[in-house]
Structure formats: C-alpha cells, structure tokens
Amino acid sequence: PRLVVGINEMEEDIALGLLETFHLILLLHSSINAVEFAESLISIGWF
C-alpha cells in the first residue's frame, strides 16, 4: 500500500528497493505463496 499510494513522493532508490523485494518473493516461489502474492499485486492494478 505504501508503494502504490506514495510512489509520486518516493525516491527512485526506495521504489527500486521495494520492487526488488517483491521480485525476490516471486522468484523464491513456493507454489501457493507465490500465486497468492502475485494475485495481491494484480488486485491493485499492477499493470
């Protein structure tokens, strides 16, 4: 929520750090966990 709502006021390094964190979670996917987190991203209009 902090990333999506506050992206306009966020430094690029912090935004990249958050995105890298989310990317790691998807890369270390363990079936159900990755799908649930992917759906959480989709639910806020990720595209």
All heavy atoms as atom14 arrays in JSON, in Angstrom:
{
  "sequence": "PRLVVGINEMEEDIALGLLETFHLILLLHSSINAVEFAESLISIGWF",
  "atom14_mask": [
    [1, 1, 1, 1, 1, 1, 1, 0, 0, 0, 0, 0, 0, 0],
    [1, 1, 1, 1, 1, 1, 1, 1, 1, 1, 1, 0, 0, 0],
    [1, 1, 1, 1, 1, 1, 1, 1, 0, 0, 0, 0, 0, 0],
    [1, 1, 1, 1, 1, 1, 1, 0, 0, 0, 0, 0, 0, 0],
    [1, 1, 1, 1, 1, 1, 1, 0, 0, 0, 0, 0, 0, 0],
    [1, 1, 1, 1, 0, 0, 0, 0, 0, 0, 0, 0, 0, 0],
    [1, 1, 1, 1, 1, 1, 1, 1, 0, 0, 0, 0, 0, 0],
    [1, 1, 1, 1, 1, 1, 1, 1, 0, 0, 0, 0, 0, 0],
    [1, 1, 1, 1, 1, 1, 1, 1, 1, 0, 0, 0, 0, 0],
    [1, 1, 1, 1, 1, 1, 1, 1, 0, 0, 0, 0, 0, 0],
    [1, 1, 1, 1, 1, 1, 1, 1, 1, 0, 0, 0, 0, 0],
    [1, 1, 1, 1, 1, 1, 1, 1, 1, 0, 0, 0, 0, 0],
    [1, 1, 1, 1, 1, 1, 1, 1, 0, 0, 0, 0, 0, 0],
    [1, 1, 1, 1, 1, 1, 1, 1, 0, 0, 0, 0, 0, 0],
    [1, 1, 1, 1, 1, 0, 0, 0, 0, 0, 0, 0, 0, 0],
    [1, 1, 1, 1, 1, 1, 1, 1, 0, 0, 0, 0, 0, 0],
    [1, 1, 1, 1, 0, 0, 0, 0, 0, 0, 0, 0, 0, 0],
    [1, 1, 1, 1, 1, 1, 1, 1, 0, 0, 0, 0, 0, 0],
    [1, 1, 1, 1, 1, 1, 1, 1, 0, 0, 0, 0, 0, 0],
    [1, 1, 1, 1, 1, 1, 1, 1, 1, 0, 0, 0, 0, 0],
    [1, 1, 1, 1, 1, 1, 1, 0, 0, 0, 0, 0, 0, 0],
    [1, 1, 1, 1, 1, 1, 1, 1, 1, 1, 1, 0, 0, 0],
    [1, 1, 1, 1, 1, 1, 1, 1, 1, 1, 0, 0, 0, 0],
    [1, 1, 1, 1, 1, 1, 1, 1, 0, 0, 0, 0, 0, 0],
    [1, 1, 1, 1, 1, 1, 1, 1, 0, 0, 0, 0, 0, 0],
    [1, 1, 1, 1, 1, 1, 1, 1, 0, 0, 0, 0, 0, 0],
    [1, 1, 1, 1, 1, 1, 1, 1, 0, 0, 0, 0, 0, 0],
    [1, 1, 1, 1, 1, 1, 1, 1, 0, 0, 0, 0, 0, 0],
    [1, 1, 1, 1, 1, 1, 1, 1, 1, 1, 0, 0, 0, 0],
    [1, 1, 1, 1, 1, 1, 0, 0, 0, 0, 0, 0, 0, 0],
    [1, 1, 1, 1, 1, 1, 0, 0, 0, 0, 0, 0, 0, 0],
    [1, 1, 1, 1, 1, 1, 1, 1, 0, 0, 0, 0, 0, 0],
    [1, 1, 1, 1, 1, 1, 1, 1, 0, 0, 0, 0, 0, 0],
    [1, 1, 1, 1, 1, 0, 0, 0, 0, 0, 0, 0, 0, 0],
    [1, 1, 1, 1, 1, 1, 1, 0, 0, 0, 0, 0, 0, 0],
    [1, 1, 1, 1, 1, 1, 1, 1, 1, 0, 0, 0, 0, 0],
    [1, 1, 1, 1, 1, 1, 1, 1, 1, 1, 1, 0, 0, 0],
    [1, 1, 1, 1, 1, 0, 0, 0, 0, 0, 0, 0, 0, 0],
    [1, 1, 1, 1, 1, 1, 1, 1, 1, 0, 0, 0, 0, 0],
    [1, 1, 1, 1, 1, 1, 0, 0, 0, 0, 0, 0, 0, 0],
    [1, 1, 1, 1, 1, 1, 1, 1, 0, 0, 0, 0, 0, 0],
    [1, 1, 1, 1, 1, 1, 1, 1, 0, 0, 0, 0, 0, 0],
    [1, 1, 1, 1, 1, 1, 0, 0, 0, 0, 0, 0, 0, 0],
    [1, 1, 1, 1, 1, 1, 1, 1, 0, 0, 0, 0, 0, 0],
    [1, 1, 1, 1, 0, 0, 0, 0, 0, 0, 0, 0, 0, 0],
    [1, 1, 1, 1, 1, 1, 1, 1, 1, 1, 1, 1, 1, 1],
    [1, 1, 1, 1, 1, 1, 1, 1, 1, 1, 1, 0, 0, 0]
  ],
  "atom14_positions": [
    [[0.82, -1.23, 0.0], [0.0, 0.0, 0.0], [0.85, 1.27, 0.0], [0.5, 2.25, -0.67], [-0.82, -0.11, 1.3], [-0.84, -1.58, 1.61], [0.49, -2.1, 1.16], [0.0, 0.0, 0.0], [0.0, 0.0, 0.0], [0.0, 0.0, 0.0], [0.0, 0.0, 0.0], [0.0, 0.0, 0.0], [0.0, 0.0, 0.0], [0.0, 0.0, 0.0]],
    [[1.96, 1.26, 0.74], [2.82, 2.44, 0.8], [3.45, 2.73, -0.56], [3.56, 3.88, -0.97], [3.9, 2.23, 1.86], [4.84, 3.41, 2.08], [4.08, 4.62, 2.6], [3.5, 4.39, 3.89], [4.04, 4.76, 5.05], [5.2, 5.38, 5.05], [3.42, 4.52, 6.19], [0.0, 0.0, 0.0], [0.0, 0.0, 0.0], [0.0, 0.0, 0.0]],
    [[3.83, 1.68, -1.28], [4.43, 1.86, -2.6], [3.42, 2.42, -3.58], [3.7, 3.38, -4.32], [4.98, 0.52, -3.11], [5.54, 0.52, -4.54], [6.78, 1.4, -4.63], [5.86, -0.89, -4.99], [0.0, 0.0, 0.0], [0.0, 0.0, 0.0], [0.0, 0.0, 0.0], [0.0, 0.0, 0.0], [0.0, 0.0, 0.0], [0.0, 0.0, 0.0]],
    [[2.23, 1.86, -3.6], [1.22, 2.25, -4.59], [0.71, 3.66, -4.34], [0.57, 4.47, -5.26], [0.05, 1.24, -4.59], [-1.07, 1.72, -5.49], [0.55, -0.14, -5.03], [0.0, 0.0, 0.0], [0.0, 0.0, 0.0], [0.0, 0.0, 0.0], [0.0, 0.0, 0.0], [0.0, 0.0, 0.0], [0.0, 0.0, 0.0], [0.0, 0.0, 0.0]],
    [[0.46, 3.98, -3.06], [-0.13, 5.29, -2.73], [0.93, 6.39, -2.79], [0.65, 7.51, -3.25], [-0.78, 5.24, -1.33], [-1.23, 6.64, -0.91], [-1.95, 4.27, -1.33], [0.0, 0.0, 0.0], [0.0, 0.0, 0.0], [0.0, 0.0, 0.0], [0.0, 0.0, 0.0], [0.0, 0.0, 0.0], [0.0, 0.0, 0.0], [0.0, 0.0, 0.0]],
    [[2.16, 6.08, -2.37], [3.16, 7.13, -2.23], [4.23, 7.16, -3.3], [5.27, 7.78, -3.1], [0.0, 0.0, 0.0], [0.0, 0.0, 0.0], [0.0, 0.0, 0.0], [0.0, 0.0, 0.0], [0.0, 0.0, 0.0], [0.0, 0.0, 0.0], [0.0, 0.0, 0.0], [0.0, 0.0, 0.0], [0.0, 0.0, 0.0], [0.0, 0.0, 0.0]],
    [[4.0, 6.51, -4.44], [5.04, 6.43, -5.47], [5.43, 7.8, -6.0], [6.59, 8.03, -6.35], [4.56, 5.51, -6.63], [5.71, 5.25, -7.63], [3.36, 6.09, -7.33], [6.86, 4.49, -7.07], [0.0, 0.0, 0.0], [0.0, 0.0, 0.0], [0.0, 0.0, 0.0], [0.0, 0.0, 0.0], [0.0, 0.0, 0.0], [0.0, 0.0, 0.0]],
    [[4.5, 8.75, -6.03], [4.8, 10.09, -6.56], [5.76, 10.87, -5.66], [6.43, 11.79, -6.13], [3.5, 10.89, -6.73], [2.64, 10.34, -7.84], [3.06, 10.28, -8.99], [1.43, 9.92, -7.52], [0.0, 0.0, 0.0], [0.0, 0.0, 0.0], [0.0, 0.0, 0.0], [0.0, 0.0, 0.0], [0.0, 0.0, 0.0], [0.0, 0.0, 0.0]],
    [[5.83, 10.5, -4.38], [6.69, 11.22, -3.44], [7.9, 10.38, -3.03], [8.59, 10.72, -2.08], [5.88, 11.6, -2.19], [4.68, 12.48, -2.49], [3.83, 12.74, -1.26], [4.13, 12.12, -0.21], [2.88, 13.53, -1.35], [0.0, 0.0, 0.0], [0.0, 0.0, 0.0], [0.0, 0.0, 0.0], [0.0, 0.0, 0.0], [0.0, 0.0, 0.0]],
    [[8.15, 9.31, -3.74], [9.18, 8.36, -3.34], [10.44, 8.52, -4.18], [10.37, 8.75, -5.39], [8.63, 6.93, -3.48], [9.42, 5.86, -2.77], [8.54, 4.26, -2.83], [7.15, 4.6, -1.74], [0.0, 0.0, 0.0], [0.0, 0.0, 0.0], [0.0, 0.0, 0.0], [0.0, 0.0, 0.0], [0.0, 0.0, 0.0], [0.0, 0.0, 0.0]],
    [[11.6, 8.4, -3.52], [12.86, 8.41, -4.24], [12.98, 7.14, -5.08], [12.47, 6.09, -4.71], [14.04, 8.51, -3.27], [14.12, 9.81, -2.5], [13.31, 9.8, -1.22], [12.49, 8.86, -1.07], [13.49, 10.7, -0.4], [0.0, 0.0, 0.0], [0.0, 0.0, 0.0], [0.0, 0.0, 0.0], [0.0, 0.0, 0.0], [0.0, 0.0, 0.0]],
    [[13.69, 7.24, -6.19], [13.8, 6.09, -7.1], [14.47, 4.89, -6.42], [14.05, 3.75, -6.62], [14.57, 6.47, -8.36], [14.64, 5.33, -9.38], [15.31, 5.75, -10.68], [15.79, 6.9, -10.76], [15.34, 4.93, -11.61], [0.0, 0.0, 0.0], [0.0, 0.0, 0.0], [0.0, 0.0, 0.0], [0.0, 0.0, 0.0], [0.0, 0.0, 0.0]],
    [[15.49, 5.13, -5.59], [16.19, 4.03, -4.94], [15.26, 3.25, -4.0], [15.35, 2.01, -3.92], [17.39, 4.55, -4.15], [18.55, 4.94, -5.05], [18.57, 4.48, -6.22], [19.41, 5.73, -4.63], [0.0, 0.0, 0.0], [0.0, 0.0, 0.0], [0.0, 0.0, 0.0], [0.0, 0.0, 0.0], [0.0, 0.0, 0.0], [0.0, 0.0, 0.0]],
    [[14.38, 3.96, -3.31], [13.44, 3.28, -2.41], [12.42, 2.48, -3.22], [12.1, 1.33, -2.89], [12.73, 4.29, -1.49], [13.74, 4.95, -0.55], [11.63, 3.61, -0.69], [13.17, 5.99, 0.35], [0.0, 0.0, 0.0], [0.0, 0.0, 0.0], [0.0, 0.0, 0.0], [0.0, 0.0, 0.0], [0.0, 0.0, 0.0], [0.0, 0.0, 0.0]],
    [[11.9, 3.09, -4.3], [10.95, 2.39, -5.16], [11.59, 1.13, -5.74], [10.97, 0.05, -5.76], [10.47, 3.31, -6.27], [0.0, 0.0, 0.0], [0.0, 0.0, 0.0], [0.0, 0.0, 0.0], [0.0, 0.0, 0.0], [0.0, 0.0, 0.0], [0.0, 0.0, 0.0], [0.0, 0.0, 0.0], [0.0, 0.0, 0.0], [0.0, 0.0, 0.0]],
    [[12.83, 1.24, -6.2], [13.54, 0.08, -6.74], [13.76, -0.98, -5.67], [13.65, -2.19, -5.94], [14.89, 0.51, -7.32], [14.85, 1.16, -8.71], [16.19, 1.8, -9.03], [14.47, 0.15, -9.78], [0.0, 0.0, 0.0], [0.0, 0.0, 0.0], [0.0, 0.0, 0.0], [0.0, 0.0, 0.0], [0.0, 0.0, 0.0], [0.0, 0.0, 0.0]],
    [[14.07, -0.54, -4.44], [14.26, -1.49, -3.34], [13.0, -2.27, -3.04], [13.05, -3.49, -2.8], [0.0, 0.0, 0.0], [0.0, 0.0, 0.0], [0.0, 0.0, 0.0], [0.0, 0.0, 0.0], [0.0, 0.0, 0.0], [0.0, 0.0, 0.0], [0.0, 0.0, 0.0], [0.0, 0.0, 0.0], [0.0, 0.0, 0.0], [0.0, 0.0, 0.0]],
    [[11.86, -1.59, -3.05], [10.58, -2.27, -2.8], [10.25, -3.24, -3.94], [9.82, -4.38, -3.7], [9.48, -1.24, -2.64], [9.51, -0.43, -1.34], [8.59, 0.78, -1.43], [9.1, -1.31, -0.15], [0.0, 0.0, 0.0], [0.0, 0.0, 0.0], [0.0, 0.0, 0.0], [0.0, 0.0, 0.0], [0.0, 0.0, 0.0], [0.0, 0.0, 0.0]],
    [[10.46, -2.81, -5.17], [10.18, -3.67, -6.32], [11.1, -4.89, -6.32], [10.68, -6.0, -6.65], [10.35, -2.88, -7.61], [9.3, -1.79, -7.87], [9.7, -0.94, -9.07], [7.92, -2.38, -8.07], [0.0, 0.0, 0.0], [0.0, 0.0, 0.0], [0.0, 0.0, 0.0], [0.0, 0.0, 0.0], [0.0, 0.0, 0.0], [0.0, 0.0, 0.0]],
    [[12.36, -4.68, -5.95], [13.3, -5.81, -5.87], [12.86, -6.81, -4.8], [13.0, -8.02, -4.98], [14.7, -5.28, -5.56], [15.76, -6.37, -5.53], [17.13, -5.82, -5.19], [17.37, -4.62, -5.4], [17.96, -6.6, -4.69], [0.0, 0.0, 0.0], [0.0, 0.0, 0.0], [0.0, 0.0, 0.0], [0.0, 0.0, 0.0], [0.0, 0.0, 0.0]],
    [[12.33, -6.3, -3.7], [11.83, -7.18, -2.64], [10.67, -8.03, -3.13], [10.62, -9.25, -2.92], [11.38, -6.34, -1.43], [12.49, -5.55, -0.96], [10.89, -7.23, -0.31], [0.0, 0.0, 0.0], [0.0, 0.0, 0.0], [0.0, 0.0, 0.0], [0.0, 0.0, 0.0], [0.0, 0.0, 0.0], [0.0, 0.0, 0.0], [0.0, 0.0, 0.0]],
    [[9.72, -7.39, -3.82], [8.58, -8.14, -4.36], [9.04, -9.15, -5.41], [8.5, -10.26, -5.5], [7.55, -7.18, -4.97], [6.96, -6.2, -3.98], [6.38, -5.01, -4.41], [7.0, -6.45, -2.62], [5.84, -4.11, -3.5], [6.46, -5.55, -1.71], [5.88, -4.39, -2.15], [0.0, 0.0, 0.0], [0.0, 0.0, 0.0], [0.0, 0.0, 0.0]],
    [[10.03, -8.76, -6.19], [10.54, -9.66, -7.24], [11.18, -10.89, -6.61], [10.99, -12.02, -7.09], [11.56, -8.92, -8.11], [11.9, -9.64, -9.36], [13.01, -9.34, -10.13], [11.31, -10.7, -9.99], [13.07, -10.15, -11.17], [12.05, -10.98, -11.1], [0.0, 0.0, 0.0], [0.0, 0.0, 0.0], [0.0, 0.0, 0.0], [0.0, 0.0, 0.0]],
    [[11.93, -10.7, -5.53], [12.56, -11.83, -4.85], [11.51, -12.83, -4.36], [11.7, -14.04, -4.48], [13.4, -11.33, -3.67], [14.0, -12.43, -2.79], [15.1, -13.17, -3.52], [14.52, -11.86, -1.47], [0.0, 0.0, 0.0], [0.0, 0.0, 0.0], [0.0, 0.0, 0.0], [0.0, 0.0, 0.0], [0.0, 0.0, 0.0], [0.0, 0.0, 0.0]],
    [[10.42, -12.31, -3.83], [9.36, -13.19, -3.34], [8.79, -14.04, -4.47], [8.54, -15.23, -4.31], [8.25, -12.35, -2.67], [8.79, -11.74, -1.37], [7.01, -13.18, -2.39], [7.85, -10.77, -0.7], [0.0, 0.0, 0.0], [0.0, 0.0, 0.0], [0.0, 0.0, 0.0], [0.0, 0.0, 0.0], [0.0, 0.0, 0.0], [0.0, 0.0, 0.0]],
    [[8.62, -13.43, -5.64], [8.11, -14.18, -6.79], [9.14, -15.18, -7.3], [8.79, -16.28, -7.75], [7.71, -13.22, -7.91], [6.51, -12.3, -7.62], [6.32, -11.32, -8.76], [5.24, -13.11, -7.39], [0.0, 0.0, 0.0], [0.0, 0.0, 0.0], [0.0, 0.0, 0.0], [0.0, 0.0, 0.0], [0.0, 0.0, 0.0], [0.0, 0.0, 0.0]],
    [[10.42, -14.83, -7.23], [11.47, -15.74, -7.69], [11.63, -16.94, -6.77], [11.85, -18.06, -7.22], [12.81, -14.99, -7.8], [12.94, -13.99, -8.95], [14.26, -13.25, -8.85], [12.83, -14.68, -10.3], [0.0, 0.0, 0.0], [0.0, 0.0, 0.0], [0.0, 0.0, 0.0], [0.0, 0.0, 0.0], [0.0, 0.0, 0.0], [0.0, 0.0, 0.0]],
    [[11.53, -16.69, -5.45], [11.6, -17.78, -4.49], [10.22, -18.39, -4.3], [9.76, -18.6, -3.19], [12.14, -17.27, -3.14], [13.62, -16.88, -3.1], [13.97, -16.33, -1.72], [14.5, -18.07, -3.41], [0.0, 0.0, 0.0], [0.0, 0.0, 0.0], [0.0, 0.0, 0.0], [0.0, 0.0, 0.0], [0.0, 0.0, 0.0], [0.0, 0.0, 0.0]],
    [[9.58, -18.65, -5.44], [8.19, -19.07, -5.37], [8.1, -20.48, -4.8], [8.89, -21.34, -5.09], [7.51, -18.99, -6.73], [8.14, -19.87, -7.77], [9.26, -19.5, -8.46], [7.8, -21.1, -8.23], [9.6, -20.45, -9.31], [8.73, -21.44, -9.19], [0.0, 0.0, 0.0], [0.0, 0.0, 0.0], [0.0, 0.0, 0.0], [0.0, 0.0, 0.0]],
    [[7.09, -20.66, -3.98], [6.8, -21.97, -3.4], [5.32, -22.23, -3.61], [4.52, -22.17, -2.7], [7.16, -21.99, -1.92], [6.52, -20.92, -1.24], [0.0, 0.0, 0.0], [0.0, 0.0, 0.0], [0.0, 0.0, 0.0], [0.0, 0.0, 0.0], [0.0, 0.0, 0.0], [0.0, 0.0, 0.0], [0.0, 0.0, 0.0], [0.0, 0.0, 0.0]],
    [[4.97, -22.44, -4.84], [3.6, -22.75, -5.27], [2.57, -21.77, -4.71], [2.44, -20.66, -5.2], [3.25, -24.2, -4.89], [3.31, -24.37, -3.48], [0.0, 0.0, 0.0], [0.0, 0.0, 0.0], [0.0, 0.0, 0.0], [0.0, 0.0, 0.0], [0.0, 0.0, 0.0], [0.0, 0.0, 0.0], [0.0, 0.0, 0.0], [0.0, 0.0, 0.0]],
    [[1.9, -22.13, -3.66], [0.76, -21.36, -3.15], [1.18, -19.95, -2.76], [0.49, -18.97, -3.08], [0.11, -22.08, -1.96], [-0.47, -23.42, -2.41], [-0.99, -21.22, -1.36], [-1.03, -24.25, -1.28], [0.0, 0.0, 0.0], [0.0, 0.0, 0.0], [0.0, 0.0, 0.0], [0.0, 0.0, 0.0], [0.0, 0.0, 0.0], [0.0, 0.0, 0.0]],
    [[2.33, -19.81, -2.08], [2.76, -18.49, -1.61], [2.95, -17.51, -2.76], [2.52, -16.37, -2.7], [4.06, -18.62, -0.82], [3.88, -19.35, 0.49], [4.29, -20.49, 0.61], [3.24, -18.73, 1.45], [0.0, 0.0, 0.0], [0.0, 0.0, 0.0], [0.0, 0.0, 0.0], [0.0, 0.0, 0.0], [0.0, 0.0, 0.0], [0.0, 0.0, 0.0]],
    [[3.62, -17.98, -3.82], [3.89, -17.09, -4.95], [2.61, -16.69, -5.66], [2.44, -15.54, -6.06], [4.84, -17.77, -5.93], [0.0, 0.0, 0.0], [0.0, 0.0, 0.0], [0.0, 0.0, 0.0], [0.0, 0.0, 0.0], [0.0, 0.0, 0.0], [0.0, 0.0, 0.0], [0.0, 0.0, 0.0], [0.0, 0.0, 0.0], [0.0, 0.0, 0.0]],
    [[1.71, -17.64, -5.84], [0.45, -17.35, -6.53], [-0.37, -16.35, -5.72], [-0.94, -15.4, -6.27], [-0.35, -18.64, -6.77], [-1.72, -18.31, -7.34], [0.41, -19.57, -7.71], [0.0, 0.0, 0.0], [0.0, 0.0, 0.0], [0.0, 0.0, 0.0], [0.0, 0.0, 0.0], [0.0, 0.0, 0.0], [0.0, 0.0, 0.0], [0.0, 0.0, 0.0]],
    [[-0.43, -16.54, -4.42], [-1.19, -15.62, -3.56], [-0.6, -14.21, -3.62], [-1.34, -13.23, -3.69], [-1.2, -16.13, -2.12], [-2.1, -17.35, -1.9], [-2.08, -17.8, -0.46], [-1.26, -17.28, 0.33], [-2.89, -18.68, -0.11], [0.0, 0.0, 0.0], [0.0, 0.0, 0.0], [0.0, 0.0, 0.0], [0.0, 0.0, 0.0], [0.0, 0.0, 0.0]],
    [[0.72, -14.13, -3.58], [1.34, -12.81, -3.63], [1.17, -12.17, -5.0], [0.93, -10.97, -5.12], [2.83, -12.9, -3.28], [3.47, -11.56, -3.09], [3.18, -10.76, -2.0], [4.37, -11.06, -4.04], [3.76, -9.53, -1.83], [4.96, -9.82, -3.88], [4.65, -9.05, -2.77], [0.0, 0.0, 0.0], [0.0, 0.0, 0.0], [0.0, 0.0, 0.0]],
    [[1.27, -12.99, -6.06], [1.05, -12.47, -7.41], [-0.37, -11.92, -7.55], [-0.58, -10.86, -8.15], [1.29, -13.58, -8.44], [0.0, 0.0, 0.0], [0.0, 0.0, 0.0], [0.0, 0.0, 0.0], [0.0, 0.0, 0.0], [0.0, 0.0, 0.0], [0.0, 0.0, 0.0], [0.0, 0.0, 0.0], [0.0, 0.0, 0.0], [0.0, 0.0, 0.0]],
    [[-1.33, -12.62, -6.98], [-2.71, -12.14, -7.03], [-2.9, -10.86, -6.22], [-3.74, -10.02, -6.56], [-3.64, -13.25, -6.54], [-3.74, -14.42, -7.51], [-4.56, -15.57, -6.98], [-4.87, -15.55, -5.75], [-4.9, -16.49, -7.76], [0.0, 0.0, 0.0], [0.0, 0.0, 0.0], [0.0, 0.0, 0.0], [0.0, 0.0, 0.0], [0.0, 0.0, 0.0]],
    [[-2.12, -10.72, -5.15], [-2.17, -9.47, -4.37], [-1.69, -8.3, -5.22], [-2.26, -7.2, -5.16], [-1.3, -9.58, -3.11], [-1.78, -10.59, -2.25], [0.0, 0.0, 0.0], [0.0, 0.0, 0.0], [0.0, 0.0, 0.0], [0.0, 0.0, 0.0], [0.0, 0.0, 0.0], [0.0, 0.0, 0.0], [0.0, 0.0, 0.0], [0.0, 0.0, 0.0]],
    [[-0.63, -8.52, -6.01], [-0.14, -7.46, -6.9], [-1.17, -7.13, -7.97], [-1.43, -5.96, -8.26], [1.17, -7.9, -7.56], [2.37, -8.14, -6.64], [3.59, -8.54, -7.47], [2.69, -6.93, -5.8], [0.0, 0.0, 0.0], [0.0, 0.0, 0.0], [0.0, 0.0, 0.0], [0.0, 0.0, 0.0], [0.0, 0.0, 0.0], [0.0, 0.0, 0.0]],
    [[-1.76, -8.16, -8.54], [-2.76, -7.96, -9.59], [-3.97, -7.2, -9.05], [-4.56, -6.36, -9.75], [-3.2, -9.32, -10.17], [-2.09, -9.93, -11.02], [-4.47, -9.17, -10.99], [-1.8, -9.17, -12.29], [0.0, 0.0, 0.0], [0.0, 0.0, 0.0], [0.0, 0.0, 0.0], [0.0, 0.0, 0.0], [0.0, 0.0, 0.0], [0.0, 0.0, 0.0]],
    [[-4.32, -7.47, -7.79], [-5.54, -6.87, -7.23], [-5.48, -5.36, -7.12], [-6.52, -4.69, -7.03], [-5.82, -7.47, -5.85], [-4.83, -7.07, -4.91], [0.0, 0.0, 0.0], [0.0, 0.0, 0.0], [0.0, 0.0, 0.0], [0.0, 0.0, 0.0], [0.0, 0.0, 0.0], [0.0, 0.0, 0.0], [0.0, 0.0, 0.0], [0.0, 0.0, 0.0]],
    [[-4.27, -4.78, -7.12], [-4.16, -3.32, -7.01], [-3.88, -2.67, -8.38], [-3.5, -1.5, -8.44], [-3.09, -2.92, -5.97], [-1.73, -3.6, -6.27], [-3.53, -3.28, -4.57], [-0.82, -2.82, -7.1], [0.0, 0.0, 0.0], [0.0, 0.0, 0.0], [0.0, 0.0, 0.0], [0.0, 0.0, 0.0], [0.0, 0.0, 0.0], [0.0, 0.0, 0.0]],
    [[-4.07, -3.43, -9.45], [-3.85, -2.88, -10.79], [-2.38, -2.76, -11.13], [-1.89, -1.69, -11.45], [0.0, 0.0, 0.0], [0.0, 0.0, 0.0], [0.0, 0.0, 0.0], [0.0, 0.0, 0.0], [0.0, 0.0, 0.0], [0.0, 0.0, 0.0], [0.0, 0.0, 0.0], [0.0, 0.0, 0.0], [0.0, 0.0, 0.0], [0.0, 0.0, 0.0]],
    [[-1.65, -3.88, -11.06], [-0.21, -3.85, -11.18], [0.28, -3.41, -12.56], [1.31, -2.76, -12.68], [0.39, -5.2, -10.82], [1.87, -5.14, -10.68], [2.82, -5.53, -11.56], [2.59, -4.58, -9.57], [4.08, -5.27, -11.08], [3.97, -4.68, -9.86], [2.19, -4.0, -8.36], [4.96, -4.23, -8.98], [3.17, -3.55, -7.49], [4.53, -3.67, -7.8]],
    [[-0.45, -3.75, -13.61], [-0.01, -3.36, -14.96], [-0.05, -1.84, -15.11], [0.91, -1.23, -15.61], [-0.88, -4.04, -16.02], [-0.68, -5.52, -16.09], [-1.52, -6.38, -15.39], [0.36, -6.07, -16.83], [-1.32, -7.75, -15.45], [0.56, -7.43, -16.89], [-0.29, -8.28, -16.19], [0.0, 0.0, 0.0], [0.0, 0.0, 0.0], [0.0, 0.0, 0.0]]
  ]
}
